[in-house]
Amino acid sequence: MNVKQIALAVSKPERTVHNWVKKSSAKMAQVNAKMAQASIDKKPADYDIDETCFIIEQGLGKNASALFRYNASNNKSLSIESRLDRLESLIEKVLMMQLNNVVKEPEKQLTFSDAPQKTKRAELREIINKYTADRNCNHIEVWTQLYQQIYYRMNINVKICADNRGMDKLDYIEKEGLMDEVVALARKLFEVK
């Protein structure tokens, strides 16, 4: 079979089948040789049943290839057109079976209890973001003010401690178990009314 006949058999554009042939030529030497010879002779390559099935497998998968082989071996007495019609209907059946086998998960409705909880770190960022948006001030200044108040109220220099450990400031606060206190302090300092 040539590319045009394969395209008719599988109800695909010739361009698509050409792409399958190129893909097949990289994997099967016979297809590669016939493709090369066809470009020299300027005549369409004629693929045997094994090569044709391999080409179809590259594009439509093993099931379609097996159906094509089965149809070709059992219907030698039928004309090419009727064999192609039967093959087309078999491919349609396989595709429909595959579509019916796709399991659709029911859409999951998020309930309030399913919603993930905010982390303390996220809550702290939210407090800072709301305050800076409300006051139209610089984030860096607000974070600096928070770290200063931690130093004055809790006697912890977060910047130096985090730098000494090679950590981010918020990572240090979390690792030391200070996040609840820092969030409470931020709520008090940066309350938005």
N, C-alpha and C. Protein backbone atom coordinates (compact mmCIF):
# COMPACT_ATOMS: atom_id res chain seq x y z
N MET A 1 0.84 -1.19 0.00
CA MET A 1 0.00 0.00 0.00
C MET A 1 0.88 1.24 0.00
N ASN A 2 0.43 2.27 -0.67
CA ASN A 2 1.16 3.52 -0.63
C ASN A 2 0.50 4.45 0.40
N VAL A 3 1.08 5.61 0.58
CA VAL A 3 0.61 6.55 1.59
C VAL A 3 -0.84 6.94 1.34
N LYS A 4 -1.20 7.17 0.09
CA LYS A 4 -2.57 7.57 -0.23
C LYS A 4 -3.56 6.48 0.17
N GLN A 5 -3.22 5.24 -0.11
CA GLN A 5 -4.12 4.13 0.23
C GLN A 5 -4.23 3.96 1.75
N ILE A 6 -3.11 4.11 2.43
CA ILE A 6 -3.15 4.01 3.90
C ILE A 6 -4.02 5.13 4.46
N ALA A 7 -3.86 6.34 3.93
CA ALA A 7 -4.66 7.47 4.40
C ALA A 7 -6.15 7.21 4.19
N LEU A 8 -6.50 6.65 3.04
CA LEU A 8 -7.91 6.29 2.79
C LEU A 8 -8.38 5.23 3.77
N ALA A 9 -7.52 4.26 4.04
CA ALA A 9 -7.91 3.15 4.92
C ALA A 9 -8.18 3.60 6.34
N VAL A 10 -7.43 4.57 6.79
CA VAL A 10 -7.57 4.99 8.19
C VAL A 10 -8.30 6.33 8.33
N SER A 11 -8.79 6.85 7.23
CA SER A 11 -9.54 8.12 7.24
C SER A 11 -8.74 9.26 7.86
N LYS A 12 -7.51 9.38 7.42
CA LYS A 12 -6.64 10.46 7.87
C LYS A 12 -6.08 11.17 6.66
N PRO A 13 -5.69 12.41 6.80
CA PRO A 13 -5.08 13.12 5.67
C PRO A 13 -3.73 12.48 5.30
N GLU A 14 -3.38 12.60 4.03
CA GLU A 14 -2.11 12.04 3.56
C GLU A 14 -0.94 12.65 4.31
N ARG A 15 -1.04 13.91 4.63
CA ARG A 15 0.04 14.60 5.36
C ARG A 15 0.31 13.91 6.69
N THR A 16 -0.76 13.52 7.37
CA THR A 16 -0.63 12.83 8.65
C THR A 16 0.08 11.49 8.47
N VAL A 17 -0.33 10.75 7.43
CA VAL A 17 0.28 9.45 7.17
C VAL A 17 1.75 9.63 6.78
N HIS A 18 2.07 10.69 6.03
CA HIS A 18 3.47 10.99 5.70
C HIS A 18 4.29 11.16 6.98
N ASN A 19 3.70 11.84 7.96
CA ASN A 19 4.40 12.02 9.23
C ASN A 19 4.62 10.69 9.94
N TRP A 20 3.62 9.80 9.86
CA TRP A 20 3.76 8.47 10.46
C TRP A 20 4.89 7.70 9.77
N VAL A 21 4.96 7.84 8.44
CA VAL A 21 6.00 7.15 7.67
C VAL A 21 7.38 7.65 8.10
N LYS A 22 7.51 8.96 8.27
CA LYS A 22 8.80 9.52 8.71
C LYS A 22 9.17 8.97 10.08
N LYS A 23 8.19 8.93 10.96
CA LYS A 23 8.42 8.40 12.30
C LYS A 23 8.81 6.92 12.22
N SER A 24 8.13 6.18 11.35
CA SER A 24 8.41 4.75 11.19
C SER A 24 9.78 4.51 10.59
N SER A 25 10.20 5.39 9.68
CA SER A 25 11.48 5.20 9.00
C SER A 25 12.65 5.26 9.97
N ALA A 26 12.46 5.98 11.06
CA ALA A 26 13.52 6.05 12.07
C ALA A 26 13.61 4.77 12.89
N LYS A 27 12.54 3.97 12.84
CA LYS A 27 12.48 2.76 13.67
C LYS A 27 12.55 1.47 12.86
N MET A 28 12.25 1.52 11.57
CA MET A 28 12.21 0.31 10.75
C MET A 28 13.01 0.56 9.47
N ALA A 29 14.06 -0.23 9.28
CA ALA A 29 14.97 -0.03 8.15
C ALA A 29 14.27 -0.19 6.80
N GLN A 30 13.33 -1.15 6.69
CA GLN A 30 12.66 -1.38 5.41
C GLN A 30 11.87 -0.14 4.98
N VAL A 31 11.19 0.47 5.94
CA VAL A 31 10.40 1.67 5.63
C VAL A 31 11.34 2.79 5.21
N ASN A 32 12.45 2.92 5.91
CA ASN A 32 13.43 3.95 5.59
C ASN A 32 13.97 3.76 4.17
N ALA A 33 14.29 2.51 3.82
CA ALA A 33 14.83 2.22 2.48
C ALA A 33 13.80 2.53 1.39
N LYS A 34 12.55 2.13 1.61
CA LYS A 34 11.51 2.38 0.61
C LYS A 34 11.22 3.87 0.47
N MET A 35 11.28 4.59 1.58
CA MET A 35 11.05 6.03 1.54
C MET A 35 12.17 6.71 0.75
N ALA A 36 13.40 6.28 0.99
CA ALA A 36 14.54 6.85 0.27
C ALA A 36 14.44 6.55 -1.23
N GLN A 37 14.09 5.31 -1.56
CA GLN A 37 13.97 4.92 -2.97
C GLN A 37 12.84 5.68 -3.65
N ALA A 38 11.76 5.90 -2.94
CA ALA A 38 10.62 6.64 -3.50
C ALA A 38 11.01 8.07 -3.84
N SER A 39 11.85 8.67 -3.01
CA SER A 39 12.26 10.05 -3.30
C SER A 39 13.19 10.11 -4.51
N ILE A 40 13.96 9.04 -4.73
CA ILE A 40 14.84 8.98 -5.90
C ILE A 40 14.02 8.73 -7.17
N ASP A 41 13.09 7.74 -7.10
CA ASP A 41 12.29 7.35 -8.27
C ASP A 41 11.16 8.33 -8.56
N LYS A 42 10.84 9.16 -7.60
CA LYS A 42 9.70 10.08 -7.72
C LYS A 42 8.39 9.30 -7.90
N LYS A 43 8.33 8.11 -7.30
CA LYS A 43 7.12 7.28 -7.32
C LYS A 43 6.76 6.96 -5.88
N PRO A 44 5.47 6.80 -5.58
CA PRO A 44 5.09 6.48 -4.21
C PRO A 44 5.64 5.12 -3.79
N ALA A 45 6.07 5.04 -2.53
CA ALA A 45 6.58 3.78 -2.00
C ALA A 45 5.41 2.83 -1.80
N ASP A 46 5.67 1.55 -2.06
CA ASP A 46 4.65 0.52 -1.88
C ASP A 46 5.05 -0.33 -0.67
N TYR A 47 4.32 -0.20 0.42
CA TYR A 47 4.64 -0.88 1.67
C TYR A 47 3.89 -2.19 1.76
N ASP A 48 4.58 -3.23 2.25
CA ASP A 48 3.90 -4.52 2.44
C ASP A 48 3.05 -4.46 3.71
N ILE A 49 2.39 -5.57 4.02
CA ILE A 49 1.44 -5.58 5.13
C ILE A 49 2.13 -5.29 6.47
N ASP A 50 3.33 -5.86 6.69
CA ASP A 50 4.03 -5.62 7.96
C ASP A 50 4.42 -4.16 8.10
N GLU A 51 4.94 -3.58 7.02
CA GLU A 51 5.33 -2.18 7.05
C GLU A 51 4.13 -1.27 7.21
N THR A 52 3.05 -1.60 6.51
CA THR A 52 1.82 -0.81 6.62
C THR A 52 1.28 -0.84 8.04
N CYS A 53 1.27 -2.03 8.63
CA CYS A 53 0.78 -2.16 10.01
C CYS A 53 1.67 -1.37 10.98
N PHE A 54 2.97 -1.40 10.74
CA PHE A 54 3.89 -0.66 11.59
C PHE A 54 3.65 0.85 11.47
N ILE A 55 3.41 1.31 10.24
CA ILE A 55 3.12 2.73 10.02
C ILE A 55 1.83 3.13 10.73
N ILE A 56 0.81 2.31 10.60
CA ILE A 56 -0.47 2.60 11.27
C ILE A 56 -0.30 2.59 12.78
N GLU A 57 0.52 1.67 13.27
CA GLU A 57 0.77 1.60 14.71
C GLU A 57 1.41 2.89 15.23
N GLN A 58 2.28 3.49 14.44
CA GLN A 58 2.94 4.73 14.85
C GLN A 58 1.95 5.88 15.03
N GLY A 59 0.88 5.83 14.23
CA GLY A 59 -0.08 6.93 14.30
C GLY A 59 -1.30 6.65 15.16
N LEU A 60 -1.83 5.44 15.05
CA LEU A 60 -3.10 5.15 15.73
C LEU A 60 -2.97 4.15 16.87
N GLY A 61 -1.81 3.54 17.00
CA GLY A 61 -1.61 2.60 18.10
C GLY A 61 -1.74 1.15 17.67
N LYS A 62 -1.44 0.28 18.61
CA LYS A 62 -1.40 -1.16 18.34
C LYS A 62 -2.77 -1.74 18.01
N ASN A 63 -3.83 -1.26 18.65
CA ASN A 63 -5.16 -1.81 18.40
C ASN A 63 -5.58 -1.60 16.95
N ALA A 64 -5.40 -0.38 16.46
CA ALA A 64 -5.77 -0.09 15.07
C ALA A 64 -4.92 -0.89 14.11
N SER A 65 -3.64 -1.04 14.43
CA SER A 65 -2.74 -1.82 13.57
C SER A 65 -3.17 -3.28 13.54
N ALA A 66 -3.53 -3.83 14.68
CA ALA A 66 -3.98 -5.22 14.75
C ALA A 66 -5.28 -5.41 13.97
N LEU A 67 -6.18 -4.45 14.07
CA LEU A 67 -7.43 -4.53 13.32
C LEU A 67 -7.17 -4.48 11.82
N PHE A 68 -6.24 -3.64 11.42
CA PHE A 68 -5.90 -3.55 10.01
C PHE A 68 -5.33 -4.88 9.52
N ARG A 69 -4.41 -5.47 10.29
CA ARG A 69 -3.81 -6.75 9.91
C ARG A 69 -4.88 -7.84 9.82
N TYR A 70 -5.76 -7.88 10.81
CA TYR A 70 -6.83 -8.88 10.83
C TYR A 70 -7.72 -8.72 9.60
N ASN A 71 -8.11 -7.50 9.34
CA ASN A 71 -8.98 -7.23 8.20
C ASN A 71 -8.30 -7.61 6.89
N ALA A 72 -7.01 -7.29 6.77
CA ALA A 72 -6.28 -7.59 5.54
C ALA A 72 -6.13 -9.09 5.33
N SER A 73 -5.90 -9.84 6.39
CA SER A 73 -5.69 -11.28 6.24
C SER A 73 -6.99 -12.04 6.03
N ASN A 74 -8.10 -11.55 6.54
CA ASN A 74 -9.37 -12.27 6.43
C ASN A 74 -10.22 -11.85 5.24
N ASN A 75 -9.81 -10.81 4.56
CA ASN A 75 -10.66 -10.30 3.49
C ASN A 75 -9.92 -10.18 2.16
N LYS A 76 -9.06 -11.12 1.85
CA LYS A 76 -8.30 -11.03 0.61
C LYS A 76 -9.19 -11.10 -0.62
N SER A 77 -10.32 -11.76 -0.47
CA SER A 77 -11.20 -11.92 -1.63
C SER A 77 -12.03 -10.67 -1.91
N LEU A 78 -12.13 -9.78 -0.95
CA LEU A 78 -12.92 -8.56 -1.13
C LEU A 78 -12.12 -7.52 -1.91
N SER A 79 -12.81 -6.64 -2.53
CA SER A 79 -12.13 -5.57 -3.26
C SER A 79 -11.47 -4.62 -2.27
N ILE A 80 -10.53 -3.86 -2.76
CA ILE A 80 -9.81 -2.92 -1.90
C ILE A 80 -10.77 -1.92 -1.27
N GLU A 81 -11.73 -1.42 -2.07
CA GLU A 81 -12.66 -0.42 -1.55
C GLU A 81 -13.50 -0.98 -0.41
N SER A 82 -14.01 -2.21 -0.60
CA SER A 82 -14.85 -2.77 0.46
C SER A 82 -14.02 -3.12 1.69
N ARG A 83 -12.76 -3.54 1.47
CA ARG A 83 -11.89 -3.83 2.61
C ARG A 83 -11.59 -2.53 3.36
N LEU A 84 -11.37 -1.46 2.62
CA LEU A 84 -11.11 -0.18 3.27
C LEU A 84 -12.32 0.30 4.06
N ASP A 85 -13.52 0.09 3.48
CA ASP A 85 -14.74 0.47 4.19
C ASP A 85 -14.89 -0.31 5.48
N ARG A 86 -14.63 -1.61 5.41
CA ARG A 86 -14.73 -2.44 6.61
C ARG A 86 -13.69 -2.03 7.65
N LEU A 87 -12.48 -1.75 7.17
CA LEU A 87 -11.42 -1.34 8.08
C LEU A 87 -11.78 -0.02 8.74
N GLU A 88 -12.31 0.89 7.97
CA GLU A 88 -12.72 2.19 8.51
C GLU A 88 -13.76 2.01 9.61
N SER A 89 -14.73 1.15 9.37
CA SER A 89 -15.76 0.94 10.40
C SER A 89 -15.17 0.25 11.63
N LEU A 90 -14.22 -0.67 11.43
CA LEU A 90 -13.57 -1.31 12.57
C LEU A 90 -12.77 -0.29 13.39
N ILE A 91 -12.08 0.60 12.71
CA ILE A 91 -11.30 1.63 13.41
C ILE A 91 -12.24 2.54 14.18
N GLU A 92 -13.35 2.90 13.58
CA GLU A 92 -14.33 3.72 14.29
C GLU A 92 -14.83 3.02 15.54
N LYS A 93 -15.08 1.70 15.42
CA LYS A 93 -15.53 0.93 16.60
C LYS A 93 -14.48 0.93 17.69
N VAL A 94 -13.21 0.74 17.31
CA VAL A 94 -12.13 0.74 18.29
C VAL A 94 -12.03 2.09 18.97
N LEU A 95 -12.09 3.14 18.18
CA LEU A 95 -12.01 4.48 18.76
C LEU A 95 -13.18 4.75 19.70
N MET A 96 -14.36 4.31 19.32
CA MET A 96 -15.52 4.49 20.19
C MET A 96 -15.35 3.70 21.48
N MET A 97 -14.82 2.47 21.37
CA MET A 97 -14.58 1.67 22.57
C MET A 97 -13.57 2.37 23.48
N GLN A 98 -12.53 2.92 22.88
CA GLN A 98 -11.53 3.62 23.68
C GLN A 98 -12.12 4.86 24.34
N LEU A 99 -12.97 5.58 23.60
CA LEU A 99 -13.61 6.75 24.19
C LEU A 99 -14.54 6.36 25.33
N ASN A 100 -15.25 5.24 25.17
CA ASN A 100 -16.16 4.80 26.22
C ASN A 100 -15.43 4.30 27.44
N ASN A 101 -14.18 3.85 27.26
CA ASN A 101 -13.41 3.35 28.38
C ASN A 101 -12.74 4.45 29.19
N VAL A 102 -12.75 5.65 28.65
CA VAL A 102 -12.17 6.76 29.39
C VAL A 102 -13.07 7.02 30.60
N VAL A 103 -12.47 6.89 31.75
CA VAL A 103 -13.24 7.09 32.97
C VAL A 103 -13.23 8.57 33.31
N LYS A 104 -14.40 9.12 33.41
CA LYS A 104 -14.51 10.52 33.77
C LYS A 104 -14.74 10.61 35.27
N GLU A 105 -13.86 11.32 35.92
CA GLU A 105 -14.04 11.53 37.34
C GLU A 105 -15.13 12.58 37.54
N PRO A 106 -16.00 12.32 38.50
CA PRO A 106 -17.03 13.33 38.76
C PRO A 106 -16.35 14.60 39.26
N GLU A 107 -16.93 15.71 38.87
CA GLU A 107 -16.36 16.98 39.30
C GLU A 107 -16.46 17.08 40.81
N LYS A 108 -15.35 17.39 41.42
CA LYS A 108 -15.31 17.47 42.87
C LYS A 108 -15.63 18.89 43.31
N GLN A 109 -16.65 19.00 44.11
CA GLN A 109 -17.02 20.30 44.65
C GLN A 109 -16.24 20.52 45.93
N LEU A 110 -15.54 21.64 46.01
CA LEU A 110 -14.81 21.94 47.22
C LEU A 110 -15.78 22.42 48.29
N THR A 111 -15.72 21.77 49.41
CA THR A 111 -16.52 22.24 50.53
C THR A 111 -15.61 23.07 51.41
N PHE A 112 -16.20 23.77 52.32
CA PHE A 112 -15.40 24.63 53.19
C PHE A 112 -14.43 23.82 54.02
N SER A 113 -14.84 22.60 54.41
CA SER A 113 -13.96 21.77 55.22
C SER A 113 -12.82 21.19 54.39
N ASP A 114 -12.98 21.09 53.04
CA ASP A 114 -11.92 20.57 52.17
C ASP A 114 -10.86 21.62 51.85
N ALA A 115 -11.21 22.88 52.01
CA ALA A 115 -10.29 23.94 51.64
C ALA A 115 -9.06 23.87 52.54
N PRO A 116 -7.88 24.01 51.96
CA PRO A 116 -6.67 23.94 52.77
C PRO A 116 -6.60 25.10 53.76
N GLN A 117 -6.05 24.81 54.90
CA GLN A 117 -5.91 25.83 55.93
C GLN A 117 -4.74 26.74 55.60
N LYS A 118 -4.84 27.98 56.01
CA LYS A 118 -3.74 28.92 55.83
C LYS A 118 -2.64 28.58 56.83
N THR A 119 -1.41 28.64 56.37
CA THR A 119 -0.29 28.46 57.29
C THR A 119 -0.09 29.76 58.04
N LYS A 120 0.62 29.67 59.15
CA LYS A 120 0.91 30.89 59.92
C LYS A 120 1.76 31.85 59.09
N ARG A 121 2.65 31.28 58.30
CA ARG A 121 3.51 32.10 57.44
C ARG A 121 2.65 32.88 56.43
N ALA A 122 1.67 32.20 55.83
CA ALA A 122 0.77 32.85 54.88
C ALA A 122 -0.07 33.91 55.58
N GLU A 123 -0.48 33.60 56.81
CA GLU A 123 -1.27 34.56 57.57
C GLU A 123 -0.45 35.83 57.87
N LEU A 124 0.83 35.64 58.19
CA LEU A 124 1.71 36.78 58.45
C LEU A 124 1.87 37.63 57.19
N ARG A 125 2.10 36.98 56.07
CA ARG A 125 2.22 37.73 54.81
C ARG A 125 0.94 38.48 54.48
N GLU A 126 -0.19 37.83 54.75
CA GLU A 126 -1.48 38.48 54.48
C GLU A 126 -1.64 39.75 55.32
N ILE A 127 -1.25 39.67 56.58
CA ILE A 127 -1.35 40.84 57.47
C ILE A 127 -0.49 41.98 56.91
N ILE A 128 0.75 41.64 56.52
CA ILE A 128 1.67 42.65 55.99
C ILE A 128 1.12 43.22 54.68
N ASN A 129 0.64 42.35 53.80
CA ASN A 129 0.12 42.82 52.51
C ASN A 129 -1.08 43.73 52.67
N LYS A 130 -2.00 43.38 53.57
CA LYS A 130 -3.18 44.23 53.78
C LYS A 130 -2.77 45.59 54.34
N TYR A 131 -1.82 45.57 55.27
CA TYR A 131 -1.38 46.83 55.89
C TYR A 131 -0.71 47.74 54.85
N THR A 132 0.19 47.16 54.05
CA THR A 132 0.88 47.99 53.04
C THR A 132 -0.09 48.50 51.99
N ALA A 133 -1.08 47.70 51.64
CA ALA A 133 -2.07 48.15 50.66
C ALA A 133 -2.95 49.25 51.24
N ASP A 134 -3.33 49.09 52.51
CA ASP A 134 -4.19 50.07 53.17
C ASP A 134 -3.46 51.40 53.37
N ARG A 135 -2.20 51.34 53.76
CA ARG A 135 -1.42 52.54 54.06
C ARG A 135 -0.61 53.04 52.88
N ASN A 136 -0.61 52.25 51.79
CA ASN A 136 0.17 52.60 50.60
C ASN A 136 1.64 52.86 50.95
N CYS A 137 2.21 51.89 51.70
CA CYS A 137 3.60 52.05 52.11
C CYS A 137 4.44 50.89 51.57
N ASN A 138 5.73 50.97 51.77
CA ASN A 138 6.70 50.04 51.23
C ASN A 138 6.74 48.74 52.05
N HIS A 139 6.70 47.61 51.38
CA HIS A 139 6.76 46.31 52.05
C HIS A 139 8.03 46.17 52.89
N ILE A 140 9.14 46.57 52.30
CA ILE A 140 10.43 46.39 52.99
C ILE A 140 10.45 47.15 54.32
N GLU A 141 9.91 48.36 54.31
CA GLU A 141 9.86 49.15 55.54
C GLU A 141 9.00 48.47 56.60
N VAL A 142 7.89 47.90 56.19
CA VAL A 142 6.98 47.24 57.13
C VAL A 142 7.63 45.99 57.71
N TRP A 143 8.29 45.20 56.84
CA TRP A 143 8.99 44.00 57.34
C TRP A 143 10.11 44.42 58.31
N THR A 144 10.83 45.48 57.97
CA THR A 144 11.92 45.96 58.84
C THR A 144 11.35 46.38 60.19
N GLN A 145 10.21 47.07 60.15
CA GLN A 145 9.57 47.49 61.40
C GLN A 145 9.16 46.28 62.23
N LEU A 146 8.65 45.23 61.58
CA LEU A 146 8.27 44.01 62.30
C LEU A 146 9.49 43.38 62.97
N TYR A 147 10.59 43.27 62.24
CA TYR A 147 11.80 42.66 62.82
C TYR A 147 12.36 43.50 63.97
N GLN A 148 12.25 44.84 63.86
CA GLN A 148 12.69 45.70 64.96
C GLN A 148 11.84 45.46 66.20
N GLN A 149 10.53 45.34 66.02
CA GLN A 149 9.64 45.12 67.16
C GLN A 149 9.86 43.73 67.78
N ILE A 150 10.21 42.75 66.95
CA ILE A 150 10.55 41.43 67.50
C ILE A 150 11.79 41.57 68.38
N TYR A 151 12.74 42.36 67.92
CA TYR A 151 13.96 42.57 68.70
C TYR A 151 13.65 43.26 70.03
N TYR A 152 12.86 44.34 69.98
CA TYR A 152 12.58 45.11 71.20
C TYR A 152 11.64 44.38 72.14
N ARG A 153 10.67 43.65 71.62
CA ARG A 153 9.66 43.02 72.47
C ARG A 153 10.03 41.59 72.88
N MET A 154 10.76 40.88 72.01
CA MET A 154 11.05 39.48 72.30
C MET A 154 12.55 39.24 72.52
N ASN A 155 13.34 40.31 72.37
CA ASN A 155 14.79 40.25 72.57
C ASN A 155 15.47 39.24 71.63
N ILE A 156 15.01 39.21 70.36
CA ILE A 156 15.59 38.31 69.36
C ILE A 156 15.90 39.14 68.13
N ASN A 157 17.17 39.12 67.70
CA ASN A 157 17.56 39.81 66.48
C ASN A 157 17.44 38.80 65.34
N VAL A 158 16.31 38.80 64.69
CA VAL A 158 16.00 37.80 63.66
C VAL A 158 16.99 37.86 62.52
N LYS A 159 17.39 39.06 62.08
CA LYS A 159 18.29 39.19 60.94
C LYS A 159 19.63 38.54 61.24
N ILE A 160 20.23 38.85 62.39
CA ILE A 160 21.54 38.29 62.73
C ILE A 160 21.45 36.78 62.94
N CYS A 161 20.42 36.33 63.66
CA CYS A 161 20.27 34.89 63.91
C CYS A 161 20.09 34.12 62.61
N ALA A 162 19.27 34.64 61.71
CA ALA A 162 19.03 33.98 60.43
C ALA A 162 20.29 33.99 59.57
N ASP A 163 21.00 35.13 59.54
CA ASP A 163 22.24 35.22 58.76
C ASP A 163 23.29 34.25 59.28
N ASN A 164 23.41 34.14 60.60
CA ASN A 164 24.39 33.23 61.19
C ASN A 164 24.12 31.77 60.81
N ARG A 165 22.88 31.44 60.61
CA ARG A 165 22.52 30.07 60.24
C ARG A 165 22.36 29.89 58.73
N GLY A 166 22.54 30.97 57.99
CA GLY A 166 22.40 30.90 56.54
C GLY A 166 20.97 30.62 56.11
N MET A 167 20.02 31.21 56.83
CA MET A 167 18.60 30.96 56.58
C MET A 167 17.88 32.25 56.22
N ASP A 168 16.69 32.07 55.67
CA ASP A 168 15.77 33.18 55.46
C ASP A 168 15.19 33.56 56.83
N LYS A 169 14.83 34.82 56.99
CA LYS A 169 14.32 35.28 58.29
C LYS A 169 13.05 34.53 58.70
N LEU A 170 12.13 34.36 57.76
CA LEU A 170 10.89 33.65 58.11
C LEU A 170 11.15 32.18 58.38
N ASP A 171 12.11 31.58 57.68
CA ASP A 171 12.47 30.19 57.97
C ASP A 171 13.00 30.07 59.39
N TYR A 172 13.82 31.03 59.79
CA TYR A 172 14.37 31.03 61.15
C TYR A 172 13.23 31.13 62.18
N ILE A 173 12.29 32.06 61.94
CA ILE A 173 11.18 32.24 62.87
C ILE A 173 10.38 30.94 62.99
N GLU A 174 10.12 30.28 61.86
CA GLU A 174 9.38 29.01 61.89
C GLU A 174 10.17 27.93 62.61
N LYS A 175 11.46 27.82 62.30
CA LYS A 175 12.28 26.76 62.88
C LYS A 175 12.37 26.91 64.40
N GLU A 176 12.40 28.13 64.88
CA GLU A 176 12.50 28.38 66.31
C GLU A 176 11.14 28.31 67.02
N GLY A 177 10.07 28.09 66.26
CA GLY A 177 8.74 27.97 66.86
C GLY A 177 8.18 29.30 67.34
N LEU A 178 8.56 30.37 66.69
CA LEU A 178 8.14 31.70 67.10
C LEU A 178 6.99 32.27 66.27
N MET A 179 6.52 31.50 65.29
CA MET A 179 5.57 32.05 64.33
C MET A 179 4.26 32.50 64.97
N ASP A 180 3.74 31.76 65.94
CA ASP A 180 2.48 32.17 66.58
C ASP A 180 2.63 33.53 67.26
N GLU A 181 3.74 33.71 67.97
CA GLU A 181 3.97 34.98 68.65
C GLU A 181 4.18 36.12 67.66
N VAL A 182 4.90 35.86 66.57
CA VAL A 182 5.17 36.90 65.58
C VAL A 182 3.87 37.29 64.87
N VAL A 183 3.02 36.31 64.56
CA VAL A 183 1.74 36.62 63.92
C VAL A 183 0.88 37.46 64.86
N ALA A 184 0.86 37.11 66.15
CA ALA A 184 0.08 37.89 67.12
C ALA A 184 0.62 39.32 67.21
N LEU A 185 1.94 39.46 67.20
CA LEU A 185 2.56 40.78 67.24
C LEU A 185 2.21 41.58 65.98
N ALA A 186 2.28 40.93 64.82
CA ALA A 186 1.96 41.61 63.56
C ALA A 186 0.50 42.05 63.54
N ARG A 187 -0.39 41.22 64.07
CA ARG A 187 -1.81 41.62 64.13
C ARG A 187 -1.97 42.90 64.94
N LYS A 188 -1.25 42.95 66.06
CA LYS A 188 -1.36 44.10 66.93
C LYS A 188 -0.74 45.35 66.30
N LEU A 189 0.43 45.19 65.68
CA LEU A 189 1.14 46.34 65.09
C LEU A 189 0.49 46.86 63.81
N PHE A 190 0.02 45.94 63.00
CA PHE A 190 -0.43 46.31 61.65
C PHE A 190 -1.92 46.08 61.45
N GLU A 191 -2.68 46.43 62.46
CA GLU A 191 -4.12 46.25 62.38
C GLU A 191 -4.70 47.23 61.36
N VAL A 192 -5.55 46.70 60.47
CA VAL A 192 -6.18 47.53 59.47
C VAL A 192 -7.63 47.73 59.89
N LYS A 193 -8.04 49.01 59.96
CA LYS A 193 -9.41 49.30 60.43
C LYS A 193 -10.29 49.65 59.28
